[in-house]
PDB file of N, CA and C in Angstrom:
ATOM      1  N   MET A   1       1.965  -3.977  26.256  1.00  0.00           N
ATOM      2  CA  MET A   1       1.014  -4.167  24.937  1.00  0.00           C
ATOM      3  C   MET A   1      -0.051  -3.970  25.696  1.00  0.00           C
ATOM      4  N   ALA A   2      -0.901  -3.209  25.067  1.00  0.00           N
ATOM      5  CA  ALA A   2      -2.246  -2.440  25.594  1.00  0.00           C
ATOM      6  C   ALA A   2      -3.495  -3.456  24.135  1.00  0.00           C
ATOM      7  N   THR A   3      -4.755  -3.543  24.790  1.00  0.00           N
ATOM      8  CA  THR A   3      -5.837  -4.871  24.472  1.00  0.00           C
ATOM      9  C   THR A   3      -6.803  -3.401  24.438  1.00  0.00           C
ATOM     10  N   PHE A   4      -7.695  -3.792  23.218  1.00  0.00           N
ATOM     11  CA  PHE A   4      -8.771  -2.763  23.241  1.00  0.00           C
ATOM     12  C   PHE A   4     -10.058  -3.532  22.506  1.00  0.00           C
ATOM     13  N   ASN A   5     -11.368  -3.574  22.956  1.00  0.00           N
ATOM     14  CA  ASN A   5     -12.067  -4.343  22.610  1.00  0.00           C
ATOM     15  C   ASN A   5     -12.333  -3.767  21.332  1.00  0.00           C
ATOM     16  N   ILE A   6     -13.286  -4.005  20.309  1.00  0.00           N
ATOM     17  CA  ILE A   6     -13.568  -3.513  18.904  1.00  0.00           C
ATOM     18  C   ILE A   6     -14.288  -2.354  19.242  1.00  0.00           C
ATOM     19  N   ALA A   7     -15.294  -2.148  19.869  1.00  0.00           N
ATOM     20  CA  ALA A   7     -16.018  -0.850  20.095  1.00  0.00           C
ATOM     21  C   ALA A   7     -15.377  -0.147  20.367  1.00  0.00           C
ATOM     22  N   ASP A   8     -14.174  -0.154  21.034  1.00  0.00           N
ATOM     23  CA  ASP A   8     -13.164   0.894  21.807  1.00  0.00           C
ATOM     24  C   ASP A   8     -12.191   1.442  20.329  1.00  0.00           C
ATOM     25  N   ALA A   9     -11.836   0.065  20.280  1.00  0.00           N
ATOM     26  CA  ALA A   9     -10.855   0.394  18.772  1.00  0.00           C
ATOM     27  C   ALA A   9     -11.269   1.371  17.722  1.00  0.00           C
ATOM     28  N   LYS A  10     -12.990   1.240  17.742  1.00  0.00           N
ATOM     29  CA  LYS A  10     -13.636   2.172  16.429  1.00  0.00           C
ATOM     30  C   LYS A  10     -13.463   3.507  16.769  1.00  0.00           C
ATOM     31  N   THR A  11     -13.107   3.472  18.315  1.00  0.00           N
ATOM     32  CA  THR A  11     -13.876   4.965  18.608  1.00  0.00           C
ATOM     33  C   THR A  11     -12.527   5.627  18.787  1.00  0.00           C
ATOM     34  N   HIS A  12     -11.482   5.083  19.075  1.00  0.00           N
ATOM     35  CA  HIS A  12     -10.303   5.995  19.427  1.00  0.00           C
ATOM     36  C   HIS A  12      -9.383   5.538  17.963  1.00  0.00           C
ATOM     37  N   LEU A  13      -9.618   5.192  17.071  1.00  0.00           N
ATOM     38  CA  LEU A  13      -9.214   4.630  16.205  1.00  0.00           C
ATOM     39  C   LEU A  13      -7.511   5.344  15.797  1.00  0.00           C
ATOM     40  N   SER A  14      -7.791   6.596  15.647  1.00  0.00           N
ATOM     41  CA  SER A  14      -6.485   7.362  15.340  1.00  0.00           C
ATOM     42  C   SER A  14      -5.408   7.532  16.420  1.00  0.00           C
ATOM     43  N   ALA A  15      -5.978   7.395  17.576  1.00  0.00           N
ATOM     44  CA  ALA A  15      -4.864   7.346  19.234  1.00  0.00           C
ATOM     45  C   ALA A  15      -4.456   5.753  18.980  1.00  0.00           C
ATOM     46  N   LEU A  16      -5.143   4.946  18.512  1.00  0.00           N
ATOM     47  CA  LEU A  16      -4.594   3.566  18.785  1.00  0.00           C
ATOM     48  C   LEU A  16      -3.313   3.705  17.280  1.00  0.00           C
ATOM     49  N   ILE A  17      -3.513   4.059  16.363  1.00  0.00           N
ATOM     50  CA  ILE A  17      -2.469   4.490  15.221  1.00  0.00           C
ATOM     51  C   ILE A  17      -1.472   4.796  15.787  1.00  0.00           C
ATOM     52  N   GLN A  18      -1.739   5.974  16.285  1.00  0.00           N
ATOM     53  CA  GLN A  18      -0.490   6.673  16.735  1.00  0.00           C
ATOM     54  C   GLN A  18       0.282   6.047  17.958  1.00  0.00           C
ATOM     55  N   ARG A  19      -0.130   5.433  18.552  1.00  0.00           N
ATOM     56  CA  ARG A  19       0.658   4.664  19.407  1.00  0.00           C
ATOM     57  C   ARG A  19       1.534   3.256  19.076  1.00  0.00           C
ATOM     58  N   ALA A  20       0.657   2.836  17.732  1.00  0.00           N
ATOM     59  CA  ALA A  20       1.518   1.701  17.021  1.00  0.00           C
ATOM     60  C   ALA A  20       2.138   2.425  16.163  1.00  0.00           C
ATOM     61  N   LEU A  21       2.416   3.841  16.064  1.00  0.00           N
ATOM     62  CA  LEU A  21       3.427   4.162  15.231  1.00  0.00           C
ATOM     63  C   LEU A  21       4.384   4.829  16.073  1.00  0.00           C
ATOM     64  N   LEU A  22       4.459   5.070  17.461  1.00  0.00           N
ATOM     65  CA  LEU A  22       5.239   5.125  18.352  1.00  0.00           C
ATOM     66  C   LEU A  22       5.969   3.759  18.808  1.00  0.00           C
ATOM     67  N   GLY A  23       5.239   3.047  18.349  1.00  0.00           N
ATOM     68  CA  GLY A  23       5.969   1.430  18.714  1.00  0.00           C
ATOM     69  C   GLY A  23       5.129   0.652  19.680  1.00  0.00           C
ATOM     70  N   GLU A  24       4.519   0.965  20.005  1.00  0.00           N
ATOM     71  CA  GLU A  24       3.617   0.332  21.162  1.00  0.00           C
ATOM     72  C   GLU A  24       2.707  -0.812  20.337  1.00  0.00           C
ATOM     73  N   GLU A  25       2.800  -1.765  21.008  1.00  0.00           N
ATOM     74  CA  GLU A  25       1.986  -3.217  20.466  1.00  0.00           C
ATOM     75  C   GLU A  25       0.284  -2.802  20.387  1.00  0.00           C
ATOM     76  N   VAL A  26      -0.279  -2.680  20.201  1.00  0.00           N
ATOM     77  CA  VAL A  26      -1.731  -2.549  20.162  1.00  0.00           C
ATOM     78  C   VAL A  26      -2.897  -3.635  19.768  1.00  0.00           C
ATOM     79  N   ILE A  27      -3.301  -4.469  20.575  1.00  0.00           N
ATOM     80  CA  ILE A  27      -3.996  -5.602  20.306  1.00  0.00           C
ATOM     81  C   ILE A  27      -5.388  -5.243  20.349  1.00  0.00           C
ATOM     82  N   ILE A  28      -6.014  -5.549  19.169  1.00  0.00           N
ATOM     83  CA  ILE A  28      -7.558  -5.172  19.360  1.00  0.00           C
ATOM     84  C   ILE A  28      -8.447  -7.142  19.714  1.00  0.00           C
ATOM     85  N   ALA A  29      -9.111  -6.766  20.697  1.00  0.00           N
ATOM     86  CA  ALA A  29      -9.851  -8.228  20.704  1.00  0.00           C
ATOM     87  C   ALA A  29     -11.301  -8.086  20.439  1.00  0.00           C
ATOM     88  N   ARG A  30     -11.711  -9.743  20.071  1.00  0.00           N
ATOM     89  CA  ARG A  30     -13.543  -9.597  20.307  1.00  0.00           C
ATOM     90  C   ARG A  30     -13.982 -10.562  21.300  1.00  0.00           C
ATOM     91  N   ASP A  31     -14.903 -10.466  22.137  1.00  0.00           N
ATOM     92  CA  ASP A  31     -15.368 -11.044  23.326  1.00  0.00           C
ATOM     93  C   ASP A  31     -14.029 -11.470  23.821  1.00  0.00           C
ATOM     94  N   ASN A  32     -13.060 -11.007  24.318  1.00  0.00           N
ATOM     95  CA  ASN A  32     -12.007 -10.682  25.239  1.00  0.00           C
ATOM     96  C   ASN A  32     -10.641 -11.488  24.544  1.00  0.00           C
ATOM     97  N   LYS A  33     -11.058 -12.076  23.409  1.00  0.00           N
ATOM     98  CA  LYS A  33     -10.168 -12.526  22.454  1.00  0.00           C
ATOM     99  C   LYS A  33      -9.272 -12.139  21.526  1.00  0.00           C
ATOM    100  N   PRO A  34      -7.973 -12.202  21.769  1.00  0.00           N
ATOM    101  CA  PRO A  34      -7.297 -11.211  20.458  1.00  0.00           C
ATOM    102  C   PRO A  34      -8.038 -11.592  19.428  1.00  0.00           C
ATOM    103  N   VAL A  35      -7.603 -11.122  18.053  1.00  0.00           N
ATOM    104  CA  VAL A  35      -8.176 -11.025  16.771  1.00  0.00           C
ATOM    105  C   VAL A  35      -6.801 -10.445  15.974  1.00  0.00           C
ATOM    106  N   LEU A  36      -6.085  -9.366  16.215  1.00  0.00           N
ATOM    107  CA  LEU A  36      -5.473  -8.684  15.388  1.00  0.00           C
ATOM    108  C   LEU A  36      -3.952  -8.029  16.217  1.00  0.00           C
ATOM    109  N   ARG A  37      -3.427  -7.530  15.608  1.00  0.00           N
ATOM    110  CA  ARG A  37      -2.635  -6.492  16.243  1.00  0.00           C
ATOM    111  C   ARG A  37      -2.049  -5.524  15.097  1.00  0.00           C
ATOM    112  N   LEU A  38      -1.959  -4.110  15.834  1.00  0.00           N
ATOM    113  CA  LEU A  38      -2.150  -2.860  14.947  1.00  0.00           C
ATOM    114  C   LEU A  38      -0.781  -2.543  14.984  1.00  0.00           C
ATOM    115  N   VAL A  39       0.124  -2.903  13.837  1.00  0.00           N
ATOM    116  CA  VAL A  39       1.398  -2.582  13.415  1.00  0.00           C
ATOM    117  C   VAL A  39       1.573  -1.762  12.765  1.00  0.00           C
ATOM    118  N   PRO A  40       2.818  -0.613  12.490  1.00  0.00           N
ATOM    119  CA  PRO A  40       2.801   0.058  11.260  1.00  0.00           C
ATOM    120  C   PRO A  40       3.443  -0.660  10.215  1.00  0.00           C
ATOM    121  N   LEU A  41       3.521  -0.245   8.898  1.00  0.00           N
ATOM    122  CA  LEU A  41       4.170  -1.022   7.787  1.00  0.00           C
ATOM    123  C   LEU A  41       5.280  -0.130   7.495  1.00  0.00           C
ATOM    124  N   LYS A  42       6.316  -1.286   7.284  1.00  0.00           N
ATOM    125  CA  LYS A  42       7.871  -1.100   7.316  1.00  0.00           C
ATOM    126  C   LYS A  42       7.699  -0.602   5.569  1.00  0.00           C
ATOM    127  N   GLU A  43       8.659   0.336   5.284  1.00  0.00           N
ATOM    128  CA  GLU A  43       9.156   0.467   3.837  1.00  0.00           C
ATOM    129  C   GLU A  43      10.089  -0.306   3.253  1.00  0.00           C
ATOM    130  N   THR A  44       9.654  -1.277   2.327  1.00  0.00           N
ATOM    131  CA  THR A  44      10.581  -1.898   2.135  1.00  0.00           C
ATOM    132  C   THR A  44      10.779  -1.556   0.538  1.00  0.00           C
ATOM    133  N   ARG A  45      10.275  -1.135  -0.422  1.00  0.00           N
ATOM    134  CA  ARG A  45      10.765  -0.790  -1.625  1.00  0.00           C
ATOM    135  C   ARG A  45      11.815   0.608  -1.337  1.00  0.00           C
ATOM    136  N   GLN A  46      12.551   0.155  -2.705  1.00  0.00           N
ATOM    137  CA  GLN A  46      13.935   1.185  -2.942  1.00  0.00           C
ATOM    138  C   GLN A  46      13.188   2.332  -3.478  1.00  0.00           C
ATOM    139  N   PRO A  47      13.600   3.466  -3.297  1.00  0.00           N
ATOM    140  CA  PRO A  47      13.047   4.855  -4.094  1.00  0.00           C
ATOM    141  C   PRO A  47      13.410   4.797  -5.266  1.00  0.00           C
ATOM    142  N   ARG A  48      12.310   4.907  -6.148  1.00  0.00           N
ATOM    143  CA  ARG A  48      12.494   4.967  -7.723  1.00  0.00           C
ATOM    144  C   ARG A  48      13.911   5.253  -8.542  1.00  0.00           C
ATOM    145  N   GLN A  49      14.429   4.569  -8.901  1.00  0.00           N
ATOM    146  CA  GLN A  49      15.762   5.196 -10.136  1.00  0.00           C
ATOM    147  C   GLN A  49      15.001   5.543 -11.505  1.00  0.00           C
ATOM    148  N   PRO A  50      15.349   6.654 -11.847  1.00  0.00           N
ATOM    149  CA  PRO A  50      14.587   7.035 -12.915  1.00  0.00           C
ATOM    150  C   PRO A  50      15.939   6.370 -14.197  1.00  0.00           C
ATOM    151  N   GLY A  51      15.493   6.211 -15.395  1.00  0.00           N
ATOM    152  CA  GLY A  51      16.286   5.732 -16.106  1.00  0.00           C
ATOM    153  C   GLY A  51      16.802   4.029 -15.588  1.00  0.00           C
ATOM    154  N   SER A  52      16.748   3.236 -14.671  1.00  0.00           N
ATOM    155  CA  SER A  52      16.904   2.167 -14.537  1.00  0.00           C
ATOM    156  C   SER A  52      16.597   1.119 -15.545  1.00  0.00           C
ATOM    157  N   ALA A  53      15.577   1.097 -16.572  1.00  0.00           N
ATOM    158  CA  ALA A  53      15.585   0.080 -17.167  1.00  0.00           C
ATOM    159  C   ALA A  53      15.970   0.693 -18.730  1.00  0.00           C
ATOM    160  N   ARG A  54      16.828   1.666 -18.884  1.00  0.00           N
ATOM    161  CA  ARG A  54      17.507   1.853 -19.907  1.00  0.00           C
ATOM    162  C   ARG A  54      18.207   0.839 -20.752  1.00  0.00           C
ATOM    163  N   GLY A  55      17.982   0.458 -21.736  1.00  0.00           N
ATOM    164  CA  GLY A  55      18.431  -0.650 -22.938  1.00  0.00           C
ATOM    165  C   GLY A  55      17.344  -2.028 -22.718  1.00  0.00           C
ATOM    166  N   GLU A  56      16.047  -2.116 -21.493  1.00  0.00           N
ATOM    167  CA  GLU A  56      15.891  -3.204 -21.421  1.00  0.00           C
ATOM    168  C   GLU A  56      14.355  -3.392 -21.864  1.00  0.00           C
ATOM    169  N   VAL A  57      13.999  -1.976 -22.482  1.00  0.00           N
ATOM    170  CA  VAL A  57      12.682  -1.535 -23.144  1.00  0.00           C
ATOM    171  C   VAL A  57      13.049  -1.440 -24.914  1.00  0.00           C
ATOM    172  N   TRP A  58      12.010  -2.338 -25.433  1.00  0.00           N
ATOM    173  CA  TRP A  58      12.335  -1.964 -26.783  1.00  0.00           C
ATOM    174  C   TRP A  58      11.230  -1.844 -27.898  1.00  0.00           C
ATOM    175  N   LEU A  59      11.003  -0.760 -28.389  1.00  0.00           N
ATOM    176  CA  LEU A  59       9.623  -0.707 -29.211  1.00  0.00           C
ATOM    177  C   LEU A  59       9.890  -0.199 -30.629  1.00  0.00           C
ATOM    178  N   ALA A  60       8.868  -1.300 -31.348  1.00  0.00           N
ATOM    179  CA  ALA A  60       8.918  -1.465 -32.990  1.00  0.00           C
ATOM    180  C   ALA A  60       9.398  -0.091 -33.057  1.00  0.00           C
ATOM    181  N   PRO A  61      10.025  -0.035 -34.684  1.00  0.00           N
ATOM    182  CA  PRO A  61       9.617   1.253 -35.395  1.00  0.00           C
ATOM    183  C   PRO A  61       8.688   1.746 -35.363  1.00  0.00           C
ATOM    184  N   ASP A  62       7.888   1.226 -35.996  1.00  0.00           N
ATOM    185  CA  ASP A  62       6.506   1.130 -36.508  1.00  0.00           C
ATOM    186  C   ASP A  62       5.113   1.477 -35.039  1.00  0.00           C
ATOM    187  N   PHE A  63       5.603   1.798 -33.842  1.00  0.00           N
ATOM    188  CA  PHE A  63       5.043   1.530 -32.680  1.00  0.00           C
ATOM    189  C   PHE A  63       4.091   3.053 -33.046  1.00  0.00           C
ATOM    190  N   GLU A  64       4.250   3.852 -33.376  1.00  0.00           N
ATOM    191  CA  GLU A  64       3.539   4.801 -33.313  1.00  0.00           C
ATOM    192  C   GLU A  64       2.572   5.527 -34.515  1.00  0.00           C
ATOM    193  N   ASP A  65       3.051   4.468 -35.431  1.00  0.00           N
ATOM    194  CA  ASP A  65       2.001   4.498 -37.011  1.00  0.00           C
ATOM    195  C   ASP A  65       0.496   4.034 -36.107  1.00  0.00           C
ATOM    196  N   THR A  66      -0.129   4.643 -37.276  1.00  0.00           N
ATOM    197  CA  THR A  66      -2.002   4.131 -37.042  1.00  0.00           C
ATOM    198  C   THR A  66      -2.267   3.009 -37.751  1.00  0.00           C
ATOM    199  N   LEU A  67      -2.707   1.841 -37.056  1.00  0.00           N
ATOM    200  CA  LEU A  67      -3.340   0.348 -37.593  1.00  0.00           C
ATOM    201  C   LEU A  67      -4.277   1.050 -38.909  1.00  0.00           C
ATOM    202  N   GLU A  68      -3.609   0.039 -39.669  1.00  0.00           N
ATOM    203  CA  GLU A  68      -5.020   0.245 -41.106  1.00  0.00           C
ATOM    204  C   GLU A  68      -6.238   0.226 -40.636  1.00  0.00           C
ATOM    205  N   ASP A  69      -6.709  -0.242 -39.762  1.00  0.00           N
ATOM    206  CA  ASP A  69      -8.157  -0.551 -39.192  1.00  0.00           C
ATOM    207  C   ASP A  69      -8.875   0.673 -38.918  1.00  0.00           C
ATOM    208  N   PHE A  70      -7.892   1.387 -38.265  1.00  0.00           N
ATOM    209  CA  PHE A  70      -8.264   2.751 -37.762  1.00  0.00           C
ATOM    210  C   PHE A  70      -7.802   3.903 -38.463  1.00  0.00           C
ATOM    211  N   GLU A  71      -7.058   3.995 -39.836  1.00  0.00           N
ATOM    212  CA  GLU A  71      -7.193   4.905 -41.006  1.00  0.00           C
ATOM    213  C   GLU A  71      -8.053   6.430 -40.527  1.00  0.00           C
ATOM    214  N   GLU A  72      -9.223   5.401 -40.863  1.00  0.00           N
ATOM    215  CA  GLU A  72     -10.496   6.247 -40.925  1.00  0.00           C
ATOM    216  C   GLU A  72     -10.864   7.261 -39.737  1.00  0.00           C
ATOM    217  N   TYR A  73     -10.127   7.008 -38.475  1.00  0.00           N
ATOM    218  CA  TYR A  73     -10.632   7.880 -36.992  1.00  0.00           C
ATOM    219  C   TYR A  73      -9.161   8.752 -37.227  1.00  0.00           C
ATOM    220  N   ARG A  74      -8.075   8.804 -37.933  1.00  0.00           N
ATOM    221  CA  ARG A  74      -7.345  10.091 -38.021  1.00  0.00           C
ATOM    222  C   ARG A  74      -7.617  11.159 -38.123  1.00  0.00           C
TER     223      ARG A  74
END
């Protein structure tokens, strides 16, 4: 576990991010008290599946028709 004060973290942010991405626990402290831990995000979403909502979406038959109030803008 590596601990850095805020000034050092600002100066070496790219290096600290790389260390966190490699699995090292990086702690950032203020006044020698830990305030946060820098950790990589975990990908929790599944890849998008095209067509997965097929049959669940309904559009009215007149969906693309111009509204009466907007006829003059056509």
